[in-house]
Amino acid sequence: MMKQSEILLVGKKIGFIGAGVMGKSMILNLMKKGFEVSVYARDKNKIEDIIKSGAIFSDSVSSCVRDKDIVITIVGYPKDVEELYLSKDGILNSAKDGTYLIDMTTTSPNLVIDIYNKAKEKNLKFLDAPVSGGDIGAKNATLSIMVGGEEKDFNSCKKIFEALGTTIIYEGKVGSGQHTKMANQIAIAGIMAGISEAIAYGKSTGLDIDTMLKSISNGAAQSWHMSNNAPKMNKRDFKPGFYIKHMVKDLKIANEEVPNLRVLKEVINMYETLERNGDGDLGTQAICKFYE
């Protein structure tokens, strides 16, 4: 049980890097809770909307993180995380003593362990905290947040997480957040493939797909993806809430950690095939195209 003294609000000044599909909504939700958020982006024009809502623009990583209480990052690939944290002008060399660093990217568990160790040498407090829930969860502040690192740091940052999500769980030592997210992605990938096959089966047998989906979405086959992504598949709405190219990245990381999981290997092949066909910037629900 947490001691009352451990339930802290670490500060109000946040540096945020990664104002993408999910990041923008996360920034808006933090500001709604009273946090002052500085945002770094290579192209200021792409974040004019959140600047108008009160975000402070920073023209470099170092200026974004300097003198902040908390730094949050959510970017694309492990190479982006590595550059952000470990480069000469990166976060570890720019953040003030005692800053809480929260990486919410889905990335390599080994990389976050390395960053944690280097951060600790500089008296910086690092947590890996990948999220699930997509653009809808980010917008509604209902993300599931899986946190690895030191438990006292997790407790200190609880108010930050509560501004962004509703399922907030401490998973264990650093890297545990990433391993939990890998399990999440494997489960999602299998569900999405199963839904795609159900739709392909329904079409082959002449069923009305909308009627079929309504019939099975509240029974034993129900899931978030059955309710939210299956109708998009049927309507061929492939607008990304989460990109195929990022799912490929995540599943490859999972496969590196634990090779030869059968469903994982099959779904990697499906998504890689779509990416090779030029569909990497579509939403993950476009896996149904594999069956066409």
C-alpha atoms as a PDB file:
ATOM      1  CA  MET A   1       0.000   0.000   0.000  1.00  0.00           C
ATOM      2  CA  MET A   2       1.277   3.471  -0.887  1.00  0.00           C
ATOM      3  CA  LYS A   3       2.149   5.763   1.969  1.00  0.00           C
ATOM      4  CA  GLN A   4       0.443   9.139   1.828  1.00  0.00           C
ATOM      5  CA  SER A   5       3.854  10.805   1.600  1.00  0.00           C
ATOM      6  CA  GLU A   6       4.554   8.877  -1.609  1.00  0.00           C
ATOM      7  CA  ILE A   7       1.491  10.223  -3.431  1.00  0.00           C
ATOM      8  CA  LEU A   8       3.083  13.347  -4.822  1.00  0.00           C
ATOM      9  CA  LEU A   9       2.567  15.782  -7.627  1.00  0.00           C
ATOM     10  CA  VAL A  10       6.079  16.154  -8.973  1.00  0.00           C
ATOM     11  CA  GLY A  11       5.541  19.560 -10.548  1.00  0.00           C
ATOM     12  CA  LYS A  12       3.543  21.544 -13.044  1.00  0.00           C
ATOM     13  CA  LYS A  13       6.083  22.247 -15.809  1.00  0.00           C
ATOM     14  CA  ILE A  14       6.228  19.582 -18.521  1.00  0.00           C
ATOM     15  CA  GLY A  15       8.385  19.275 -21.622  1.00  0.00           C
ATOM     16  CA  PHE A  16       6.622  17.126 -24.234  1.00  0.00           C
ATOM     17  CA  ILE A  17       8.199  15.667 -27.378  1.00  0.00           C
ATOM     18  CA  GLY A  18       6.039  13.782 -29.876  1.00  0.00           C
ATOM     19  CA  ALA A  19       2.962  15.784 -30.859  1.00  0.00           C
ATOM     20  CA  GLY A  20       1.654  13.184 -33.315  1.00  0.00           C
ATOM     21  CA  VAL A  21      -1.656  11.360 -33.727  1.00  0.00           C
ATOM     22  CA  MET A  22      -1.822  10.574 -30.010  1.00  0.00           C
ATOM     23  CA  GLY A  23       0.551  13.157 -28.596  1.00  0.00           C
ATOM     24  CA  LYS A  24      -1.572  16.193 -29.450  1.00  0.00           C
ATOM     25  CA  SER A  25      -4.564  14.882 -27.518  1.00  0.00           C
ATOM     26  CA  MET A  26      -2.335  13.942 -24.594  1.00  0.00           C
ATOM     27  CA  ILE A  27      -0.920  17.468 -24.495  1.00  0.00           C
ATOM     28  CA  LEU A  28      -4.412  18.980 -24.494  1.00  0.00           C
ATOM     29  CA  ASN A  29      -5.477  16.689 -21.642  1.00  0.00           C
ATOM     30  CA  LEU A  30      -2.432  17.645 -19.565  1.00  0.00           C
ATOM     31  CA  MET A  31      -3.217  21.330 -20.049  1.00  0.00           C
ATOM     32  CA  LYS A  32      -6.828  20.741 -19.029  1.00  0.00           C
ATOM     33  CA  LYS A  33      -5.482  19.448 -15.705  1.00  0.00           C
ATOM     34  CA  GLY A  34      -3.483  22.623 -15.159  1.00  0.00           C
ATOM     35  CA  PHE A  35      -0.041  21.559 -16.332  1.00  0.00           C
ATOM     36  CA  GLU A  36       2.160  24.008 -18.249  1.00  0.00           C
ATOM     37  CA  VAL A  37       3.313  22.140 -21.360  1.00  0.00           C
ATOM     38  CA  SER A  38       6.220  23.105 -23.606  1.00  0.00           C
ATOM     39  CA  VAL A  39       6.320  21.221 -26.900  1.00  0.00           C
ATOM     40  CA  TYR A  40       9.186  20.582 -29.300  1.00  0.00           C
ATOM     41  CA  ALA A  41       8.386  19.952 -32.965  1.00  0.00           C
ATOM     42  CA  ARG A  42      10.566  20.237 -36.047  1.00  0.00           C
ATOM     43  CA  ASP A  43       7.740  22.010 -37.886  1.00  0.00           C
ATOM     44  CA  LYS A  44       5.947  24.634 -35.806  1.00  0.00           C
ATOM     45  CA  ASN A  45       3.114  24.815 -38.352  1.00  0.00           C
ATOM     46  CA  LYS A  46       2.075  21.253 -37.525  1.00  0.00           C
ATOM     47  CA  ILE A  47       1.317  22.136 -33.909  1.00  0.00           C
ATOM     48  CA  GLU A  48      -0.290  25.572 -34.370  1.00  0.00           C
ATOM     49  CA  ASP A  49      -3.584  24.132 -33.124  1.00  0.00           C
ATOM     50  CA  ILE A  50      -2.200  23.133 -29.724  1.00  0.00           C
ATOM     51  CA  ILE A  51      -0.153  26.346 -29.474  1.00  0.00           C
ATOM     52  CA  LYS A  52      -3.416  28.271 -29.849  1.00  0.00           C
ATOM     53  CA  SER A  53      -4.801  26.119 -27.025  1.00  0.00           C
ATOM     54  CA  GLY A  54      -1.956  27.156 -24.713  1.00  0.00           C
ATOM     55  CA  ALA A  55       1.043  24.930 -25.423  1.00  0.00           C
ATOM     56  CA  ILE A  56       4.431  26.690 -25.451  1.00  0.00           C
ATOM     57  CA  PHE A  57       6.571  26.116 -28.549  1.00  0.00           C
ATOM     58  CA  SER A  58      10.220  25.096 -28.139  1.00  0.00           C
ATOM     59  CA  ASP A  59      12.565  25.173 -31.121  1.00  0.00           C
ATOM     60  CA  SER A  60      14.973  22.512 -29.798  1.00  0.00           C
ATOM     61  CA  VAL A  61      14.986  19.415 -27.626  1.00  0.00           C
ATOM     62  CA  SER A  62      17.312  21.045 -25.102  1.00  0.00           C
ATOM     63  CA  SER A  63      15.129  24.149 -24.687  1.00  0.00           C
ATOM     64  CA  CYS A  64      12.026  21.977 -24.353  1.00  0.00           C
ATOM     65  CA  VAL A  65      13.396  19.914 -21.460  1.00  0.00           C
ATOM     66  CA  ARG A  66      15.538  22.496 -19.670  1.00  0.00           C
ATOM     67  CA  ASP A  67      14.214  23.519 -16.221  1.00  0.00           C
ATOM     68  CA  LYS A  68      11.168  21.242 -16.491  1.00  0.00           C
ATOM     69  CA  ASP A  69       9.843  19.076 -13.681  1.00  0.00           C
ATOM     70  CA  ILE A  70       8.757  16.284 -16.030  1.00  0.00           C
ATOM     71  CA  VAL A  71       9.696  15.338 -19.597  1.00  0.00           C
ATOM     72  CA  ILE A  72       7.348  13.113 -21.623  1.00  0.00           C
ATOM     73  CA  THR A  73       8.266  11.544 -24.952  1.00  0.00           C
ATOM     74  CA  ILE A  74       6.138   9.518 -27.374  1.00  0.00           C
ATOM     75  CA  VAL A  75       7.781   9.108 -30.766  1.00  0.00           C
ATOM     76  CA  GLY A  76       7.947   6.526 -33.550  1.00  0.00           C
ATOM     77  CA  TYR A  77      10.875   4.130 -33.453  1.00  0.00           C
ATOM     78  CA  PRO A  78      13.648   2.939 -31.120  1.00  0.00           C
ATOM     79  CA  LYS A  79      16.186   4.978 -33.116  1.00  0.00           C
ATOM     80  CA  ASP A  80      14.124   8.105 -32.391  1.00  0.00           C
ATOM     81  CA  VAL A  81      14.070   7.331 -28.656  1.00  0.00           C
ATOM     82  CA  GLU A  82      17.814   6.660 -28.637  1.00  0.00           C
ATOM     83  CA  GLU A  83      18.587   9.926 -30.410  1.00  0.00           C
ATOM     84  CA  LEU A  84      16.265  11.951 -28.175  1.00  0.00           C
ATOM     85  CA  TYR A  85      17.736  10.688 -24.934  1.00  0.00           C
ATOM     86  CA  LEU A  86      21.374   9.858 -25.677  1.00  0.00           C
ATOM     87  CA  SER A  87      22.587  12.372 -28.282  1.00  0.00           C
ATOM     88  CA  LYS A  88      24.944  15.227 -27.359  1.00  0.00           C
ATOM     89  CA  ASP A  89      22.110  17.763 -27.130  1.00  0.00           C
ATOM     90  CA  GLY A  90      19.553  15.198 -26.024  1.00  0.00           C
ATOM     91  CA  ILE A  91      17.425  14.866 -22.945  1.00  0.00           C
ATOM     92  CA  LEU A  92      19.968  13.277 -20.600  1.00  0.00           C
ATOM     93  CA  ASN A  93      22.431  16.094 -21.257  1.00  0.00           C
ATOM     94  CA  SER A  94      19.828  18.870 -21.045  1.00  0.00           C
ATOM     95  CA  ALA A  95      17.421  18.031 -18.214  1.00  0.00           C
ATOM     96  CA  LYS A  96      17.973  19.532 -14.773  1.00  0.00           C
ATOM     97  CA  ASP A  97      18.956  17.463 -11.761  1.00  0.00           C
ATOM     98  CA  GLY A  98      16.058  15.362 -10.428  1.00  0.00           C
ATOM     99  CA  THR A  99      13.803  15.621 -13.502  1.00  0.00           C
ATOM    100  CA  TYR A 100      11.299  12.811 -14.062  1.00  0.00           C
ATOM    101  CA  LEU A 101      11.635  11.358 -17.560  1.00  0.00           C
ATOM    102  CA  ILE A 102       8.669   9.380 -18.911  1.00  0.00           C
ATOM    103  CA  ASP A 103       9.029   7.627 -22.261  1.00  0.00           C
ATOM    104  CA  MET A 104       5.601   6.531 -23.528  1.00  0.00           C
ATOM    105  CA  THR A 105       6.862   5.224 -26.878  1.00  0.00           C
ATOM    106  CA  THR A 106       6.532   1.518 -27.604  1.00  0.00           C
ATOM    107  CA  THR A 107      10.191   0.636 -27.975  1.00  0.00           C
ATOM    108  CA  SER A 108      12.909  -1.892 -27.163  1.00  0.00           C
ATOM    109  CA  PRO A 109      13.006  -3.100 -23.539  1.00  0.00           C
ATOM    110  CA  ASN A 110      16.816  -3.290 -23.738  1.00  0.00           C
ATOM    111  CA  LEU A 111      17.003   0.323 -24.900  1.00  0.00           C
ATOM    112  CA  VAL A 112      14.926   1.669 -22.012  1.00  0.00           C
ATOM    113  CA  ILE A 113      17.055  -0.286 -19.520  1.00  0.00           C
ATOM    114  CA  ASP A 114      20.157   1.382 -21.005  1.00  0.00           C
ATOM    115  CA  ILE A 115      18.541   4.831 -20.819  1.00  0.00           C
ATOM    116  CA  TYR A 116      17.429   4.189 -17.225  1.00  0.00           C
ATOM    117  CA  ASN A 117      20.977   3.286 -16.145  1.00  0.00           C
ATOM    118  CA  LYS A 118      22.501   6.334 -17.839  1.00  0.00           C
ATOM    119  CA  ALA A 119      19.755   8.590 -16.432  1.00  0.00           C
ATOM    120  CA  LYS A 120      20.386   7.303 -12.916  1.00  0.00           C
ATOM    121  CA  GLU A 121      24.061   8.277 -13.205  1.00  0.00           C
ATOM    122  CA  LYS A 122      22.898  11.872 -13.805  1.00  0.00           C
ATOM    123  CA  ASN A 123      20.322  11.817 -10.962  1.00  0.00           C
ATOM    124  CA  LEU A 124      17.437  11.732 -13.446  1.00  0.00           C
ATOM    125  CA  LYS A 125      14.405   9.518 -12.790  1.00  0.00           C
ATOM    126  CA  PHE A 126      13.337   7.444 -15.785  1.00  0.00           C
ATOM    127  CA  LEU A 127      10.122   5.480 -16.326  1.00  0.00           C
ATOM    128  CA  ASP A 128       9.087   3.458 -19.366  1.00  0.00           C
ATOM    129  CA  ALA A 129       5.328   3.891 -19.759  1.00  0.00           C
ATOM    130  CA  PRO A 130       3.949   2.703 -23.107  1.00  0.00           C
ATOM    131  CA  VAL A 131       0.234   3.126 -23.695  1.00  0.00           C
ATOM    132  CA  SER A 132      -2.655   1.343 -25.370  1.00  0.00           C
ATOM    133  CA  GLY A 133      -5.952   2.768 -26.545  1.00  0.00           C
ATOM    134  CA  GLY A 134      -5.036   4.505 -29.797  1.00  0.00           C
ATOM    135  CA  ASP A 135      -6.154   7.946 -30.866  1.00  0.00           C
ATOM    136  CA  ILE A 136      -9.585   7.453 -29.254  1.00  0.00           C
ATOM    137  CA  GLY A 137      -8.061   6.638 -25.873  1.00  0.00           C
ATOM    138  CA  ALA A 138      -5.666   9.571 -26.158  1.00  0.00           C
ATOM    139  CA  LYS A 139      -8.499  11.973 -27.001  1.00  0.00           C
ATOM    140  CA  ASN A 140     -10.776  10.750 -24.205  1.00  0.00           C
ATOM    141  CA  ALA A 141      -7.974  10.386 -21.616  1.00  0.00           C
ATOM    142  CA  THR A 142      -8.846   6.700 -21.237  1.00  0.00           C
ATOM    143  CA  LEU A 143      -5.477   5.207 -22.160  1.00  0.00           C
ATOM    144  CA  SER A 144      -4.137   2.070 -20.544  1.00  0.00           C
ATOM    145  CA  ILE A 145      -0.673   2.942 -19.199  1.00  0.00           C
ATOM    146  CA  MET A 146       1.905   0.239 -18.382  1.00  0.00           C
ATOM    147  CA  VAL A 147       4.741   1.557 -16.251  1.00  0.00           C
ATOM    148  CA  GLY A 148       8.186   0.161 -15.515  1.00  0.00           C
ATOM    149  CA  GLY A 149      10.857   1.686 -13.307  1.00  0.00           C
ATOM    150  CA  GLU A 150      11.242   2.469  -9.622  1.00  0.00           C
ATOM    151  CA  GLU A 151       7.920   2.277  -7.779  1.00  0.00           C
ATOM    152  CA  LYS A 152       8.528   5.484  -5.821  1.00  0.00           C
ATOM    153  CA  ASP A 153       8.966   7.363  -9.111  1.00  0.00           C
ATOM    154  CA  PHE A 154       5.767   5.809 -10.448  1.00  0.00           C
ATOM    155  CA  ASN A 155       3.901   6.976  -7.344  1.00  0.00           C
ATOM    156  CA  SER A 156       5.327  10.466  -7.689  1.00  0.00           C
ATOM    157  CA  CYS A 157       4.106  10.702 -11.283  1.00  0.00           C
ATOM    158  CA  LYS A 158       0.638   9.241 -10.665  1.00  0.00           C
ATOM    159  CA  LYS A 159      -1.150  12.572 -11.265  1.00  0.00           C
ATOM    160  CA  ILE A 160       0.501  12.827 -14.682  1.00  0.00           C
ATOM    161  CA  PHE A 161      -0.753   9.391 -15.658  1.00  0.00           C
ATOM    162  CA  GLU A 162      -4.229  10.109 -14.286  1.00  0.00           C
ATOM    163  CA  ALA A 163      -4.489  13.087 -16.654  1.00  0.00           C
ATOM    164  CA  LEU A 164      -3.947  10.728 -19.597  1.00  0.00           C
ATOM    165  CA  GLY A 165      -5.539   7.394 -18.771  1.00  0.00           C
ATOM    166  CA  THR A 166      -7.879   5.346 -16.635  1.00  0.00           C
ATOM    167  CA  THR A 167      -6.035   2.024 -16.392  1.00  0.00           C
ATOM    168  CA  ILE A 168      -2.698   2.856 -14.789  1.00  0.00           C
ATOM    169  CA  ILE A 169      -0.645  -0.094 -13.580  1.00  0.00           C
ATOM    170  CA  TYR A 170       2.853  -0.393 -12.152  1.00  0.00           C
ATOM    171  CA  GLU A 171       4.337  -3.427 -13.908  1.00  0.00           C
ATOM    172  CA  GLY A 172       7.677  -3.727 -12.089  1.00  0.00           C
ATOM    173  CA  LYS A 173      11.313  -2.889 -12.766  1.00  0.00           C
ATOM    174  CA  VAL A 174      12.397  -0.817 -15.759  1.00  0.00           C
ATOM    175  CA  GLY A 175      11.547  -2.547 -19.052  1.00  0.00           C
ATOM    176  CA  SER A 176       8.469  -4.215 -17.585  1.00  0.00           C
ATOM    177  CA  GLY A 177       6.216  -1.604 -19.166  1.00  0.00           C
ATOM    178  CA  GLN A 178       7.632  -2.425 -22.588  1.00  0.00           C
ATOM    179  CA  HIS A 179       7.320  -6.178 -22.096  1.00  0.00           C
ATOM    180  CA  THR A 180       3.679  -5.726 -21.055  1.00  0.00           C
ATOM    181  CA  LYS A 181       3.056  -3.627 -24.163  1.00  0.00           C
ATOM    182  CA  MET A 182       4.582  -6.364 -26.324  1.00  0.00           C
ATOM    183  CA  ALA A 183       2.092  -8.843 -24.843  1.00  0.00           C
ATOM    184  CA  ASN A 184      -0.655  -6.304 -25.582  1.00  0.00           C
ATOM    185  CA  GLN A 185       0.405  -5.971 -29.218  1.00  0.00           C
ATOM    186  CA  ILE A 186       0.592  -9.723 -29.730  1.00  0.00           C
ATOM    187  CA  ALA A 187      -2.956 -10.097 -28.373  1.00  0.00           C
ATOM    188  CA  ILE A 188      -4.257  -7.232 -30.543  1.00  0.00           C
ATOM    189  CA  ALA A 189      -2.581  -8.588 -33.673  1.00  0.00           C
ATOM    190  CA  GLY A 190      -4.226 -11.976 -33.204  1.00  0.00           C
ATOM    191  CA  ILE A 191      -7.641 -10.401 -32.585  1.00  0.00           C
ATOM    192  CA  MET A 192      -7.372  -8.173 -35.670  1.00  0.00           C
ATOM    193  CA  ALA A 193      -6.401 -11.123 -37.856  1.00  0.00           C
ATOM    194  CA  GLY A 194      -9.304 -13.141 -36.463  1.00  0.00           C
ATOM    195  CA  ILE A 195     -11.792 -10.348 -37.181  1.00  0.00           C
ATOM    196  CA  SER A 196     -10.431 -10.036 -40.723  1.00  0.00           C
ATOM    197  CA  GLU A 197     -10.897 -13.747 -41.299  1.00  0.00           C
ATOM    198  CA  ALA A 198     -14.444 -13.595 -39.909  1.00  0.00           C
ATOM    199  CA  ILE A 199     -15.283 -10.817 -42.374  1.00  0.00           C
ATOM    200  CA  ALA A 200     -13.633 -12.737 -45.230  1.00  0.00           C
ATOM    201  CA  TYR A 201     -15.652 -15.818 -44.289  1.00  0.00           C
ATOM    202  CA  GLY A 202     -18.879 -13.817 -44.132  1.00  0.00           C
ATOM    203  CA  LYS A 203     -18.288 -12.311 -47.565  1.00  0.00           C
ATOM    204  CA  SER A 204     -17.484 -15.722 -49.052  1.00  0.00           C
ATOM    205  CA  THR A 205     -20.744 -17.174 -47.762  1.00  0.00           C
ATOM    206  CA  GLY A 206     -22.923 -14.250 -48.825  1.00  0.00           C
ATOM    207  CA  LEU A 207     -23.696 -12.813 -45.377  1.00  0.00           C
ATOM    208  CA  ASP A 208     -24.582  -9.161 -44.856  1.00  0.00           C
ATOM    209  CA  ILE A 209     -21.414  -8.125 -43.006  1.00  0.00           C
ATOM    210  CA  ASP A 210     -22.976  -5.303 -41.008  1.00  0.00           C
ATOM    211  CA  THR A 211     -25.665  -7.672 -39.729  1.00  0.00           C
ATOM    212  CA  MET A 212     -23.076 -10.352 -38.979  1.00  0.00           C
ATOM    213  CA  LEU A 213     -20.900  -7.944 -36.989  1.00  0.00           C
ATOM    214  CA  LYS A 214     -23.884  -6.729 -34.944  1.00  0.00           C
ATOM    215  CA  SER A 215     -24.749 -10.336 -34.209  1.00  0.00           C
ATOM    216  CA  ILE A 216     -21.342 -11.432 -32.950  1.00  0.00           C
ATOM    217  CA  SER A 217     -19.951  -8.231 -31.390  1.00  0.00           C
ATOM    218  CA  ASN A 218     -21.809  -8.630 -28.090  1.00  0.00           C
ATOM    219  CA  GLY A 219     -21.357 -12.351 -27.623  1.00  0.00           C
ATOM    220  CA  ALA A 220     -18.265 -14.350 -26.740  1.00  0.00           C
ATOM    221  CA  ALA A 221     -16.384 -12.720 -29.653  1.00  0.00           C
ATOM    222  CA  GLN A 222     -16.791  -9.216 -28.248  1.00  0.00           C
ATOM    223  CA  SER A 223     -13.725  -6.987 -27.902  1.00  0.00           C
ATOM    224  CA  TRP A 224     -12.756  -3.340 -28.277  1.00  0.00           C
ATOM    225  CA  HIS A 225     -11.539  -4.076 -31.797  1.00  0.00           C
ATOM    226  CA  MET A 226     -14.722  -5.925 -32.729  1.00  0.00           C
ATOM    227  CA  SER A 227     -16.741  -2.853 -31.691  1.00  0.00           C
ATOM    228  CA  ASN A 228     -14.432  -0.151 -33.047  1.00  0.00           C
ATOM    229  CA  ASN A 229     -12.308  -1.532 -35.883  1.00  0.00           C
ATOM    230  CA  ALA A 230     -14.518  -4.214 -37.426  1.00  0.00           C
ATOM    231  CA  PRO A 231     -17.089  -1.617 -38.665  1.00  0.00           C
ATOM    232  CA  LYS A 232     -14.199   0.403 -40.112  1.00  0.00           C
ATOM    233  CA  MET A 233     -12.974  -2.669 -41.978  1.00  0.00           C
ATOM    234  CA  ASN A 234     -16.435  -3.186 -43.444  1.00  0.00           C
ATOM    235  CA  LYS A 235     -16.662   0.468 -44.512  1.00  0.00           C
ATOM    236  CA  ARG A 236     -13.057   0.427 -45.762  1.00  0.00           C
ATOM    237  CA  ASP A 237     -12.249   3.306 -43.424  1.00  0.00           C
ATOM    238  CA  PHE A 238      -8.493   2.958 -43.031  1.00  0.00           C
ATOM    239  CA  LYS A 239      -7.765   6.314 -41.377  1.00  0.00           C
ATOM    240  CA  PRO A 240      -5.004   5.599 -38.857  1.00  0.00           C
ATOM    241  CA  GLY A 241      -5.619   5.565 -35.148  1.00  0.00           C
ATOM    242  CA  PHE A 242      -2.440   3.479 -35.094  1.00  0.00           C
ATOM    243  CA  TYR A 243      -0.233   2.983 -38.148  1.00  0.00           C
ATOM    244  CA  ILE A 244       0.531  -0.353 -39.805  1.00  0.00           C
ATOM    245  CA  LYS A 245       4.210   0.674 -39.967  1.00  0.00           C
ATOM    246  CA  HIS A 246       4.270   1.111 -36.183  1.00  0.00           C
ATOM    247  CA  MET A 247       2.571  -2.235 -35.626  1.00  0.00           C
ATOM    248  CA  VAL A 248       5.275  -3.876 -37.763  1.00  0.00           C
ATOM    249  CA  LYS A 249       7.887  -2.201 -35.570  1.00  0.00           C
ATOM    250  CA  ASP A 250       6.216  -3.368 -32.351  1.00  0.00           C
ATOM    251  CA  LEU A 251       5.708  -6.961 -33.468  1.00  0.00           C
ATOM    252  CA  LYS A 252       9.322  -7.220 -34.651  1.00  0.00           C
ATOM    253  CA  ILE A 253      10.517  -6.087 -31.219  1.00  0.00           C
ATOM    254  CA  ALA A 254       8.291  -8.713 -29.585  1.00  0.00           C
ATOM    255  CA  ASN A 255       9.631 -11.390 -31.934  1.00  0.00           C
ATOM    256  CA  GLU A 256      13.212 -10.423 -31.077  1.00  0.00           C
ATOM    257  CA  GLU A 257      12.469 -10.792 -27.364  1.00  0.00           C
ATOM    258  CA  VAL A 258      10.646 -14.146 -27.647  1.00  0.00           C
ATOM    259  CA  PRO A 259      11.129 -15.754 -31.093  1.00  0.00           C
ATOM    260  CA  ASN A 260       8.942 -18.415 -32.693  1.00  0.00           C
ATOM    261  CA  LEU A 261       5.542 -17.561 -31.269  1.00  0.00           C
ATOM    262  CA  ARG A 262       3.269 -18.916 -34.011  1.00  0.00           C
ATOM    263  CA  VAL A 263       0.453 -16.339 -34.179  1.00  0.00           C
ATOM    264  CA  LEU A 264       2.966 -13.504 -33.815  1.00  0.00           C
ATOM    265  CA  LYS A 265       4.996 -14.733 -36.793  1.00  0.00           C
ATOM    266  CA  GLU A 266       1.896 -15.126 -38.961  1.00  0.00           C
ATOM    267  CA  VAL A 267       0.616 -11.621 -38.242  1.00  0.00           C
ATOM    268  CA  ILE A 268       4.054 -10.031 -38.737  1.00  0.00           C
ATOM    269  CA  ASN A 269       3.988 -11.554 -42.221  1.00  0.00           C
ATOM    270  CA  MET A 270       0.532 -10.073 -42.905  1.00  0.00           C
ATOM    271  CA  TYR A 271       1.453  -6.574 -41.799  1.00  0.00           C
ATOM    272  CA  GLU A 272       4.864  -6.649 -43.514  1.00  0.00           C
ATOM    273  CA  THR A 273       3.156  -7.678 -46.754  1.00  0.00           C
ATOM    274  CA  LEU A 274       0.837  -4.661 -46.499  1.00  0.00           C
ATOM    275  CA  GLU A 275       3.753  -2.362 -45.681  1.00  0.00           C
ATOM    276  CA  ARG A 276       5.682  -3.618 -48.727  1.00  0.00           C
ATOM    277  CA  ASN A 277       2.572  -2.892 -50.831  1.00  0.00           C
ATOM    278  CA  GLY A 278       2.675   0.755 -49.730  1.00  0.00           C
ATOM    279  CA  ASP A 279       0.050   0.574 -46.956  1.00  0.00           C
ATOM    280  CA  GLY A 280       2.301   1.403 -44.004  1.00  0.00           C
ATOM    281  CA  ASP A 281       0.572   4.722 -43.295  1.00  0.00           C
ATOM    282  CA  LEU A 282      -2.887   3.140 -43.096  1.00  0.00           C
ATOM    283  CA  GLY A 283      -4.507   2.187 -39.804  1.00  0.00           C
ATOM    284  CA  THR A 284      -3.971  -1.310 -38.439  1.00  0.00           C
ATOM    285  CA  GLN A 285      -7.594  -2.202 -39.298  1.00  0.00           C
ATOM    286  CA  ALA A 286      -6.422  -2.335 -42.924  1.00  0.00           C
ATOM    287  CA  ILE A 287      -5.128  -5.838 -42.159  1.00  0.00           C
ATOM    288  CA  CYS A 288      -8.397  -6.917 -43.820  1.00  0.00           C
ATOM    289  CA  LYS A 289      -6.757  -5.953 -47.163  1.00  0.00           C
ATOM    290  CA  PHE A 290      -4.439  -8.941 -46.743  1.00  0.00           C
ATOM    291  CA  TYR A 291      -7.449 -11.207 -47.349  1.00  0.00           C
ATOM    292  CA  GLU A 292      -8.359  -9.437 -50.578  1.00  0.00           C
END
